[in-house]
């Protein structure tokens, strides 16, 4: 059952990559990258459980924190770069 869930997570990850490459707006692409990062955390946790390595959960948590911080940083970058193009104030 865990192998089937790992395969399902991999399929969703491929779908997220396709969405990130073909997304109509930058926000759709960022959302797809965030989804890919979240599914990566799930996949690391499932692989850790399959191989009996509970220390993989620590790696998954660190990856989740890095994913969250990087997505917030990218969104802030695009928010401020977009407001500067319009000539608006921060």
PDB file of N, CA and C in Angstrom:
ATOM      1  N   UNK A   1       0.814  -1.194   0.000  1.00  0.00           N
ATOM      2  CA  UNK A   1       0.000   0.000   0.000  1.00  0.00           C
ATOM      3  C   UNK A   1       0.862   1.263   0.000  1.00  0.00           C
ATOM      4  N   UNK A   2       1.966   1.231   0.723  1.00  0.00           N
ATOM      5  CA  UNK A   2       2.849   2.401   0.741  1.00  0.00           C
ATOM      6  C   UNK A   2       3.537   2.617  -0.605  1.00  0.00           C
ATOM      7  N   UNK A   3       3.818   1.532  -1.300  1.00  0.00           N
ATOM      8  CA  UNK A   3       4.432   1.664  -2.624  1.00  0.00           C
ATOM      9  C   UNK A   3       3.445   2.314  -3.584  1.00  0.00           C
ATOM     10  N   UNK A   4       2.172   1.934  -3.483  1.00  0.00           N
ATOM     11  CA  UNK A   4       1.148   2.551  -4.331  1.00  0.00           C
ATOM     12  C   UNK A   4       1.009   4.037  -4.020  1.00  0.00           C
ATOM     13  N   UNK A   5       1.090   4.398  -2.762  1.00  0.00           N
ATOM     14  CA  UNK A   5       1.004   5.822  -2.417  1.00  0.00           C
ATOM     15  C   UNK A   5       2.238   6.582  -2.909  1.00  0.00           C
ATOM     16  N   UNK A   6       3.401   5.959  -2.867  1.00  0.00           N
ATOM     17  CA  UNK A   6       4.606   6.607  -3.379  1.00  0.00           C
ATOM     18  C   UNK A   6       4.505   6.828  -4.885  1.00  0.00           C
ATOM     19  N   UNK A   7       3.964   5.854  -5.591  1.00  0.00           N
ATOM     20  CA  UNK A   7       3.774   5.993  -7.038  1.00  0.00           C
ATOM     21  C   UNK A   7       2.755   7.096  -7.329  1.00  0.00           C
ATOM     22  N   UNK A   8       1.676   7.142  -6.550  1.00  0.00           N
ATOM     23  CA  UNK A   8       0.665   8.184  -6.741  1.00  0.00           C
ATOM     24  C   UNK A   8       1.259   9.567  -6.486  1.00  0.00           C
ATOM     25  N   UNK A   9       2.096   9.689  -5.480  1.00  0.00           N
ATOM     26  CA  UNK A   9       2.753  10.967  -5.192  1.00  0.00           C
ATOM     27  C   UNK A   9       3.680  11.357  -6.350  1.00  0.00           C
ATOM     28  N   UNK A  10       4.386  10.389  -6.914  1.00  0.00           N
ATOM     29  CA  UNK A  10       5.249  10.671  -8.058  1.00  0.00           C
ATOM     30  C   UNK A  10       4.440  11.152  -9.260  1.00  0.00           C
ATOM     31  N   UNK A  11       3.276  10.553  -9.487  1.00  0.00           N
ATOM     32  CA  UNK A  11       2.420  10.982 -10.596  1.00  0.00           C
ATOM     33  C   UNK A  11       1.964  12.425 -10.389  1.00  0.00           C
ATOM     34  N   UNK A  12       1.570  12.755  -9.168  1.00  0.00           N
ATOM     35  CA  UNK A  12       1.147  14.127  -8.873  1.00  0.00           C
ATOM     36  C   UNK A  12       2.322  15.093  -9.020  1.00  0.00           C
ATOM     37  N   UNK A  13       3.516  14.657  -8.675  1.00  0.00           N
ATOM     38  CA  UNK A  13       4.690  15.509  -8.830  1.00  0.00           C
ATOM     39  C   UNK A  13       4.964  15.804 -10.300  1.00  0.00           C
ATOM     40  N   UNK A  14       4.797  14.803 -11.153  1.00  0.00           N
ATOM     41  CA  UNK A  14       4.977  15.013 -12.594  1.00  0.00           C
ATOM     42  C   UNK A  14       3.922  15.992 -13.109  1.00  0.00           C
ATOM     43  N   UNK A  15       2.692  15.841 -12.644  1.00  0.00           N
ATOM     44  CA  UNK A  15       1.633  16.761 -13.051  1.00  0.00           C
ATOM     45  C   UNK A  15       1.936  18.189 -12.591  1.00  0.00           C
ATOM     46  N   UNK A  16       2.521  18.338 -11.419  1.00  0.00           N
ATOM     47  CA  UNK A  16       2.878  19.668 -10.921  1.00  0.00           C
ATOM     48  C   UNK A  16       3.990  20.289 -11.756  1.00  0.00           C
ATOM     49  N   UNK A  17       4.945  19.491 -12.173  1.00  0.00           N
ATOM     50  CA  UNK A  17       6.023  20.007 -13.024  1.00  0.00           C
ATOM     51  C   UNK A  17       5.470  20.462 -14.367  1.00  0.00           C
ATOM     52  N   UNK A  18       4.545  19.689 -14.920  1.00  0.00           N
ATOM     53  CA  UNK A  18       3.925  20.088 -16.187  1.00  0.00           C
ATOM     54  C   UNK A  18       3.179  21.405 -16.010  1.00  0.00           C
ATOM     55  N   UNK A  19       2.459  21.535 -14.905  1.00  0.00           N
ATOM     56  CA  UNK A  19       1.739  22.783 -14.636  1.00  0.00           C
ATOM     57  C   UNK A  19       2.699  23.949 -14.441  1.00  0.00           C
ATOM     58  N   UNK A  20       3.835  23.690 -13.814  1.00  0.00           N
ATOM     59  CA  UNK A  20       4.822  24.752 -13.613  1.00  0.00           C
ATOM     60  C   UNK A  20       5.423  25.210 -14.942  1.00  0.00           C
ATOM     61  N   UNK A  21       5.576  24.307 -15.867  1.00  0.00           N
ATOM     62  CA  UNK A  21       6.142  24.669 -17.167  1.00  0.00           C
ATOM     63  C   UNK A  21       5.117  25.332 -18.084  1.00  0.00           C
ATOM     64  N   UNK A  22       3.847  24.951 -17.969  1.00  0.00           N
ATOM     65  CA  UNK A  22       2.822  25.434 -18.888  1.00  0.00           C
ATOM     66  C   UNK A  22       1.834  26.411 -18.266  1.00  0.00           C
ATOM     67  N   UNK A  23       2.047  26.788 -17.032  1.00  0.00           N
ATOM     68  CA  UNK A  23       1.083  27.656 -16.338  1.00  0.00           C
ATOM     69  C   UNK A  23       0.868  28.977 -17.072  1.00  0.00           C
ATOM     70  N   UNK A  24      -0.358  29.459 -17.116  1.00  0.00           N
ATOM     71  CA  UNK A  24      -0.611  30.699 -17.851  1.00  0.00           C
ATOM     72  C   UNK A  24      -0.060  31.948 -17.154  1.00  0.00           C
ATOM     73  N   UNK A  25      -0.033  31.960 -15.829  1.00  0.00           N
ATOM     74  CA  UNK A  25       0.496  33.123 -15.114  1.00  0.00           C
ATOM     75  C   UNK A  25       1.634  32.688 -14.202  1.00  0.00           C
ATOM     76  N   UNK A  26       2.368  33.674 -13.738  1.00  0.00           N
ATOM     77  CA  UNK A  26       3.492  33.381 -12.847  1.00  0.00           C
ATOM     78  C   UNK A  26       3.001  32.820 -11.519  1.00  0.00           C
ATOM     79  N   UNK A  27       1.822  33.243 -11.081  1.00  0.00           N
ATOM     80  CA  UNK A  27       1.303  32.755  -9.808  1.00  0.00           C
ATOM     81  C   UNK A  27       0.878  31.291  -9.900  1.00  0.00           C
ATOM     82  N   UNK A  28       0.371  30.869 -11.058  1.00  0.00           N
ATOM     83  CA  UNK A  28       0.071  29.450 -11.259  1.00  0.00           C
ATOM     84  C   UNK A  28       1.345  28.617 -11.225  1.00  0.00           C
ATOM     85  N   UNK A  29       2.397  29.147 -11.785  1.00  0.00           N
ATOM     86  CA  UNK A  29       3.675  28.429 -11.789  1.00  0.00           C
ATOM     87  C   UNK A  29       4.261  28.332 -10.377  1.00  0.00           C
ATOM     88  N   UNK A  30       4.166  29.414  -9.627  1.00  0.00           N
ATOM     89  CA  UNK A  30       4.669  29.388  -8.251  1.00  0.00           C
ATOM     90  C   UNK A  30       3.864  28.406  -7.408  1.00  0.00           C
ATOM     91  N   UNK A  31       2.560  28.396  -7.602  1.00  0.00           N
ATOM     92  CA  UNK A  31       1.712  27.449  -6.879  1.00  0.00           C
ATOM     93  C   UNK A  31       2.071  26.009  -7.224  1.00  0.00           C
ATOM     94  N   UNK A  32       2.376  25.751  -8.496  1.00  0.00           N
ATOM     95  CA  UNK A  32       2.769  24.404  -8.904  1.00  0.00           C
ATOM     96  C   UNK A  32       4.107  24.004  -8.286  1.00  0.00           C
ATOM     97  N   UNK A  33       5.030  24.937  -8.206  1.00  0.00           N
ATOM     98  CA  UNK A  33       6.322  24.641  -7.572  1.00  0.00           C
ATOM     99  C   UNK A  33       6.133  24.380  -6.087  1.00  0.00           C
ATOM    100  N   UNK A  34       5.240  25.137  -5.451  1.00  0.00           N
ATOM    101  CA  UNK A  34       4.942  24.897  -4.045  1.00  0.00           C
ATOM    102  C   UNK A  34       4.306  23.523  -3.853  1.00  0.00           C
ATOM    103  N   UNK A  35       3.407  23.146  -4.745  1.00  0.00           N
ATOM    104  CA  UNK A  35       2.799  21.818  -4.685  1.00  0.00           C
ATOM    105  C   UNK A  35       3.851  20.726  -4.861  1.00  0.00           C
ATOM    106  N   UNK A  36       4.792  20.962  -5.771  1.00  0.00           N
ATOM    107  CA  UNK A  36       5.868  19.990  -5.979  1.00  0.00           C
ATOM    108  C   UNK A  36       6.705  19.831  -4.705  1.00  0.00           C
ATOM    109  N   UNK A  37       7.006  20.930  -4.048  1.00  0.00           N
ATOM    110  CA  UNK A  37       7.772  20.864  -2.797  1.00  0.00           C
ATOM    111  C   UNK A  37       7.023  20.138  -1.701  1.00  0.00           C
ATOM    112  N   UNK A  38       5.721  20.380  -1.611  1.00  0.00           N
ATOM    113  CA  UNK A  38       4.912  19.699  -0.602  1.00  0.00           C
ATOM    114  C   UNK A  38       4.858  18.202  -0.865  1.00  0.00           C
ATOM    115  N   UNK A  39       4.694  17.831  -2.110  1.00  0.00           N
ATOM    116  CA  UNK A  39       4.653  16.402  -2.447  1.00  0.00           C
ATOM    117  C   UNK A  39       6.027  15.757  -2.252  1.00  0.00           C
ATOM    118  N   UNK A  40       7.083  16.526  -2.407  1.00  0.00           N
ATOM    119  CA  UNK A  40       8.416  15.998  -2.131  1.00  0.00           C
ATOM    120  C   UNK A  40       8.570  15.665  -0.648  1.00  0.00           C
ATOM    121  N   UNK A  41       8.032  16.519   0.196  1.00  0.00           N
ATOM    122  CA  UNK A  41       8.057  16.253   1.639  1.00  0.00           C
ATOM    123  C   UNK A  41       7.302  14.959   1.946  1.00  0.00           C
ATOM    124  N   UNK A  42       6.129  14.801   1.339  1.00  0.00           N
ATOM    125  CA  UNK A  42       5.366  13.565   1.540  1.00  0.00           C
ATOM    126  C   UNK A  42       6.127  12.343   1.036  1.00  0.00           C
ATOM    127  N   UNK A  43       6.759  12.474  -0.118  1.00  0.00           N
ATOM    128  CA  UNK A  43       7.506  11.344  -0.673  1.00  0.00           C
ATOM    129  C   UNK A  43       8.693  10.970   0.212  1.00  0.00           C
ATOM    130  N   UNK A  44       9.391  11.953   0.749  1.00  0.00           N
ATOM    131  CA  UNK A  44      10.508  11.660   1.656  1.00  0.00           C
ATOM    132  C   UNK A  44       9.999  10.930   2.894  1.00  0.00           C
ATOM    133  N   UNK A  45       8.852  11.359   3.421  1.00  0.00           N
ATOM    134  CA  UNK A  45       8.299  10.699   4.607  1.00  0.00           C
ATOM    135  C   UNK A  45       7.885   9.262   4.291  1.00  0.00           C
ATOM    136  N   UNK A  46       7.262   9.037   3.138  1.00  0.00           N
ATOM    137  CA  UNK A  46       6.846   7.680   2.766  1.00  0.00           C
ATOM    138  C   UNK A  46       8.056   6.790   2.534  1.00  0.00           C
ATOM    139  N   UNK A  47       9.077   7.309   1.871  1.00  0.00           N
ATOM    140  CA  UNK A  47      10.289   6.512   1.630  1.00  0.00           C
ATOM    141  C   UNK A  47      10.978   6.186   2.958  1.00  0.00           C
ATOM    142  N   UNK A  48      10.997   7.139   3.860  1.00  0.00           N
ATOM    143  CA  UNK A  48      11.578   6.878   5.176  1.00  0.00           C
ATOM    144  C   UNK A  48      10.826   5.797   5.920  1.00  0.00           C
ATOM    145  N   UNK A  49       9.507   5.803   5.802  1.00  0.00           N
ATOM    146  CA  UNK A  49       8.713   4.751   6.458  1.00  0.00           C
ATOM    147  C   UNK A  49       8.923   3.407   5.781  1.00  0.00           C
ATOM    148  N   UNK A  50       9.038   3.386   4.445  1.00  0.00           N
ATOM    149  CA  UNK A  50       9.252   2.127   3.723  1.00  0.00           C
ATOM    150  C   UNK A  50      10.581   1.477   4.103  1.00  0.00           C
ATOM    151  N   UNK A  51      11.619   2.276   4.233  1.00  0.00           N
ATOM    152  CA  UNK A  51      12.945   1.738   4.523  1.00  0.00           C
ATOM    153  C   UNK A  51      13.239   1.645   6.012  1.00  0.00           C
ATOM    154  N   UNK A  52      12.282   2.044   6.849  1.00  0.00           N
ATOM    155  CA  UNK A  52      12.487   1.954   8.289  1.00  0.00           C
ATOM    156  C   UNK A  52      13.502   2.948   8.809  1.00  0.00           C
ATOM    157  N   UNK A  53      13.533   4.125   8.194  1.00  0.00           N
ATOM    158  CA  UNK A  53      14.487   5.172   8.585  1.00  0.00           C
ATOM    159  C   UNK A  53      13.723   6.373   9.117  1.00  0.00           C
ATOM    160  N   UNK A  54      13.460   6.426  10.416  1.00  0.00           N
ATOM    161  CA  UNK A  54      12.682   7.554  10.958  1.00  0.00           C
ATOM    162  C   UNK A  54      13.417   8.893  10.876  1.00  0.00           C
ATOM    163  N   UNK A  55      14.720   8.881  10.656  1.00  0.00           N
ATOM    164  CA  UNK A  55      15.447  10.139  10.544  1.00  0.00           C
ATOM    165  C   UNK A  55      15.127  10.877   9.248  1.00  0.00           C
ATOM    166  N   UNK A  56      14.479  10.197   8.290  1.00  0.00           N
ATOM    167  CA  UNK A  56      14.043  10.865   7.071  1.00  0.00           C
ATOM    168  C   UNK A  56      12.963  11.902   7.369  1.00  0.00           C
ATOM    169  N   UNK A  57      12.241  11.725   8.467  1.00  0.00           N
ATOM    170  CA  UNK A  57      11.222  12.705   8.828  1.00  0.00           C
ATOM    171  C   UNK A  57      11.851  14.042   9.192  1.00  0.00           C
ATOM    172  N   UNK A  58      13.018  14.017   9.802  1.00  0.00           N
ATOM    173  CA  UNK A  58      13.737  15.261  10.093  1.00  0.00           C
ATOM    174  C   UNK A  58      14.130  15.966   8.796  1.00  0.00           C
ATOM    175  N   UNK A  59      14.594  15.191   7.833  1.00  0.00           N
ATOM    176  CA  UNK A  59      14.950  15.753   6.532  1.00  0.00           C
ATOM    177  C   UNK A  59      13.718  16.342   5.864  1.00  0.00           C
ATOM    178  N   UNK A  60      12.598  15.649   5.962  1.00  0.00           N
ATOM    179  CA  UNK A  60      11.355  16.138   5.355  1.00  0.00           C
ATOM    180  C   UNK A  60      10.908  17.444   6.004  1.00  0.00           C
ATOM    181  N   UNK A  61      11.042  17.552   7.313  1.00  0.00           N
ATOM    182  CA  UNK A  61      10.651  18.786   7.994  1.00  0.00           C
ATOM    183  C   UNK A  61      11.548  19.960   7.605  1.00  0.00           C
ATOM    184  N   UNK A  62      12.828  19.723   7.505  1.00  0.00           N
ATOM    185  CA  UNK A  62      13.747  20.783   7.089  1.00  0.00           C
ATOM    186  C   UNK A  62      13.435  21.213   5.657  1.00  0.00           C
ATOM    187  N   UNK A  63      13.161  20.243   4.798  1.00  0.00           N
ATOM    188  CA  UNK A  63      12.815  20.564   3.411  1.00  0.00           C
ATOM    189  C   UNK A  63      11.518  21.360   3.353  1.00  0.00           C
ATOM    190  N   UNK A  64      10.541  21.031   4.195  1.00  0.00           N
ATOM    191  CA  UNK A  64       9.276  21.772   4.224  1.00  0.00           C
ATOM    192  C   UNK A  64       9.508  23.223   4.639  1.00  0.00           C
ATOM    193  N   UNK A  65      10.362  23.453   5.631  1.00  0.00           N
ATOM    194  CA  UNK A  65      10.662  24.816   6.057  1.00  0.00           C
ATOM    195  C   UNK A  65      11.378  25.603   4.960  1.00  0.00           C
ATOM    196  N   UNK A  66      12.325  24.977   4.302  1.00  0.00           N
ATOM    197  CA  UNK A  66      13.038  25.642   3.209  1.00  0.00           C
ATOM    198  C   UNK A  66      12.078  25.959   2.072  1.00  0.00           C
ATOM    199  N   UNK A  67      11.176  25.026   1.765  1.00  0.00           N
ATOM    200  CA  UNK A  67      10.193  25.241   0.704  1.00  0.00           C
ATOM    201  C   UNK A  67       9.293  26.426   1.036  1.00  0.00           C
ATOM    202  N   UNK A  68       8.808  26.492   2.259  1.00  0.00           N
ATOM    203  CA  UNK A  68       7.921  27.576   2.665  1.00  0.00           C
ATOM    204  C   UNK A  68       8.618  28.928   2.584  1.00  0.00           C
ATOM    205  N   UNK A  69       9.821  29.006   3.118  1.00  0.00           N
ATOM    206  CA  UNK A  69      10.551  30.268   3.123  1.00  0.00           C
ATOM    207  C   UNK A  69      10.887  30.710   1.707  1.00  0.00           C
ATOM    208  N   UNK A  70      11.265  29.780   0.852  1.00  0.00           N
ATOM    209  CA  UNK A  70      11.618  30.152  -0.520  1.00  0.00           C
ATOM    210  C   UNK A  70      10.395  30.613  -1.309  1.00  0.00           C
ATOM    211  N   UNK A  71       9.254  29.983  -1.117  1.00  0.00           N
ATOM    212  CA  UNK A  71       8.048  30.403  -1.825  1.00  0.00           C
ATOM    213  C   UNK A  71       7.618  31.801  -1.361  1.00  0.00           C
ATOM    214  N   UNK A  72       7.682  32.062  -0.074  1.00  0.00           N
ATOM    215  CA  UNK A  72       7.337  33.395   0.428  1.00  0.00           C
ATOM    216  C   UNK A  72       8.308  34.430  -0.140  1.00  0.00           C
ATOM    217  N   UNK A  73       9.573  34.099  -0.208  1.00  0.00           N
ATOM    218  CA  UNK A  73      10.557  35.015  -0.775  1.00  0.00           C
ATOM    219  C   UNK A  73      10.317  35.299  -2.248  1.00  0.00           C
ATOM    220  N   UNK A  74      10.010  34.281  -3.013  1.00  0.00           N
ATOM    221  CA  UNK A  74       9.737  34.468  -4.444  1.00  0.00           C
ATOM    222  C   UNK A  74       8.477  35.301  -4.639  1.00  0.00           C
ATOM    223  N   UNK A  75       7.440  35.044  -3.848  1.00  0.00           N
ATOM    224  CA  UNK A  75       6.218  35.831  -3.970  1.00  0.00           C
ATOM    225  C   UNK A  75       6.457  37.299  -3.614  1.00  0.00           C
ATOM    226  N   UNK A  76       7.239  37.544  -2.596  1.00  0.00           N
ATOM    227  CA  UNK A  76       7.550  38.938  -2.237  1.00  0.00           C
ATOM    228  C   UNK A  76       8.362  39.615  -3.332  1.00  0.00           C
ATOM    229  N   UNK A  77       9.274  38.871  -3.930  1.00  0.00           N
ATOM    230  CA  UNK A  77      10.067  39.429  -5.022  1.00  0.00           C
ATOM    231  C   UNK A  77       9.163  39.858  -6.168  1.00  0.00           C
ATOM    232  N   UNK A  78       8.250  38.985  -6.574  1.00  0.00           N
ATOM    233  CA  UNK A  78       7.371  39.326  -7.679  1.00  0.00           C
ATOM    234  C   UNK A  78       6.370  40.409  -7.296  1.00  0.00           C
ATOM    235  N   UNK A  79       5.963  40.454  -6.042  1.00  0.00           N
ATOM    236  CA  UNK A  79       5.043  41.496  -5.605  1.00  0.00           C
ATOM    237  C   UNK A  79       5.703  42.866  -5.689  1.00  0.00           C
ATOM    238  N   UNK A  80       6.922  42.992  -5.186  1.00  0.00           N
ATOM    239  CA  UNK A  80       7.604  44.274  -5.190  1.00  0.00           C
ATOM    240  C   UNK A  80       8.111  44.657  -6.574  1.00  0.00           C
ATOM    241  N   UNK A  81       8.524  43.702  -7.381  1.00  0.00           N
ATOM    242  CA  UNK A  81       8.977  44.036  -8.732  1.00  0.00           C
ATOM    243  C   UNK A  81       7.787  44.475  -9.584  1.00  0.00           C
ATOM    244  N   UNK A  82       6.608  43.914  -9.320  1.00  0.00           N
ATOM    245  CA  UNK A  82       5.418  44.307 -10.068  1.00  0.00           C
ATOM    246  C   UNK A  82       4.967  45.705  -9.671  1.00  0.00           C
ATOM    247  N   UNK A  83       5.053  46.055  -8.400  1.00  0.00           N
ATOM    248  CA  UNK A  83       4.636  47.382  -7.958  1.00  0.00           C
ATOM    249  C   UNK A  83       5.614  48.455  -8.429  1.00  0.00           C
ATOM    250  N   UNK A  84       6.890  48.133  -8.593  1.00  0.00           N
ATOM    251  CA  UNK A  84       7.860  49.097  -9.093  1.00  0.00           C
ATOM    252  C   UNK A  84       7.656  49.361 -10.579  1.00  0.00           C
ATOM    253  N   UNK A  85       7.199  48.353 -11.342  1.00  0.00           N
ATOM    254  CA  UNK A  85       6.943  48.543 -12.754  1.00  0.00           C
ATOM    255  C   UNK A  85       5.777  49.502 -12.988  1.00  0.00           C
ATOM    256  N   UNK A  86       4.778  49.469 -12.100  1.00  0.00           N
ATOM    257  CA  UNK A  86       3.622  50.345 -12.232  1.00  0.00           C
ATOM    258  C   UNK A  86       3.920  51.751 -11.728  1.00  0.00           C
ATOM    259  N   UNK A  87       5.009  51.930 -11.026  1.00  0.00           N
ATOM    260  CA  UNK A  87       5.351  53.237 -10.491  1.00  0.00           C
ATOM    261  C   UNK A  87       4.691  53.525  -9.162  1.00  0.00           C
ATOM    262  N   UNK A  88       4.090  52.522  -8.550  1.00  0.00           N
ATOM    263  CA  UNK A  88       3.428  52.708  -7.278  1.00  0.00           C
ATOM    264  C   UNK A  88       4.413  52.705  -6.136  1.00  0.00           C
ATOM    265  N   UNK A  89       3.962  53.170  -5.015  1.00  0.00           N
ATOM    266  CA  UNK A  89       4.825  53.185  -3.840  1.00  0.00           C
ATOM    267  C   UNK A  89       4.678  51.890  -3.071  1.00  0.00           C
ATOM    268  N   UNK A  90       5.670  51.589  -2.276  1.00  0.00           N
ATOM    269  CA  UNK A  90       5.641  50.373  -1.475  1.00  0.00           C
ATOM    270  C   UNK A  90       4.768  50.624  -0.316  1.00  0.00           C
TER     271      UNK A  90
END
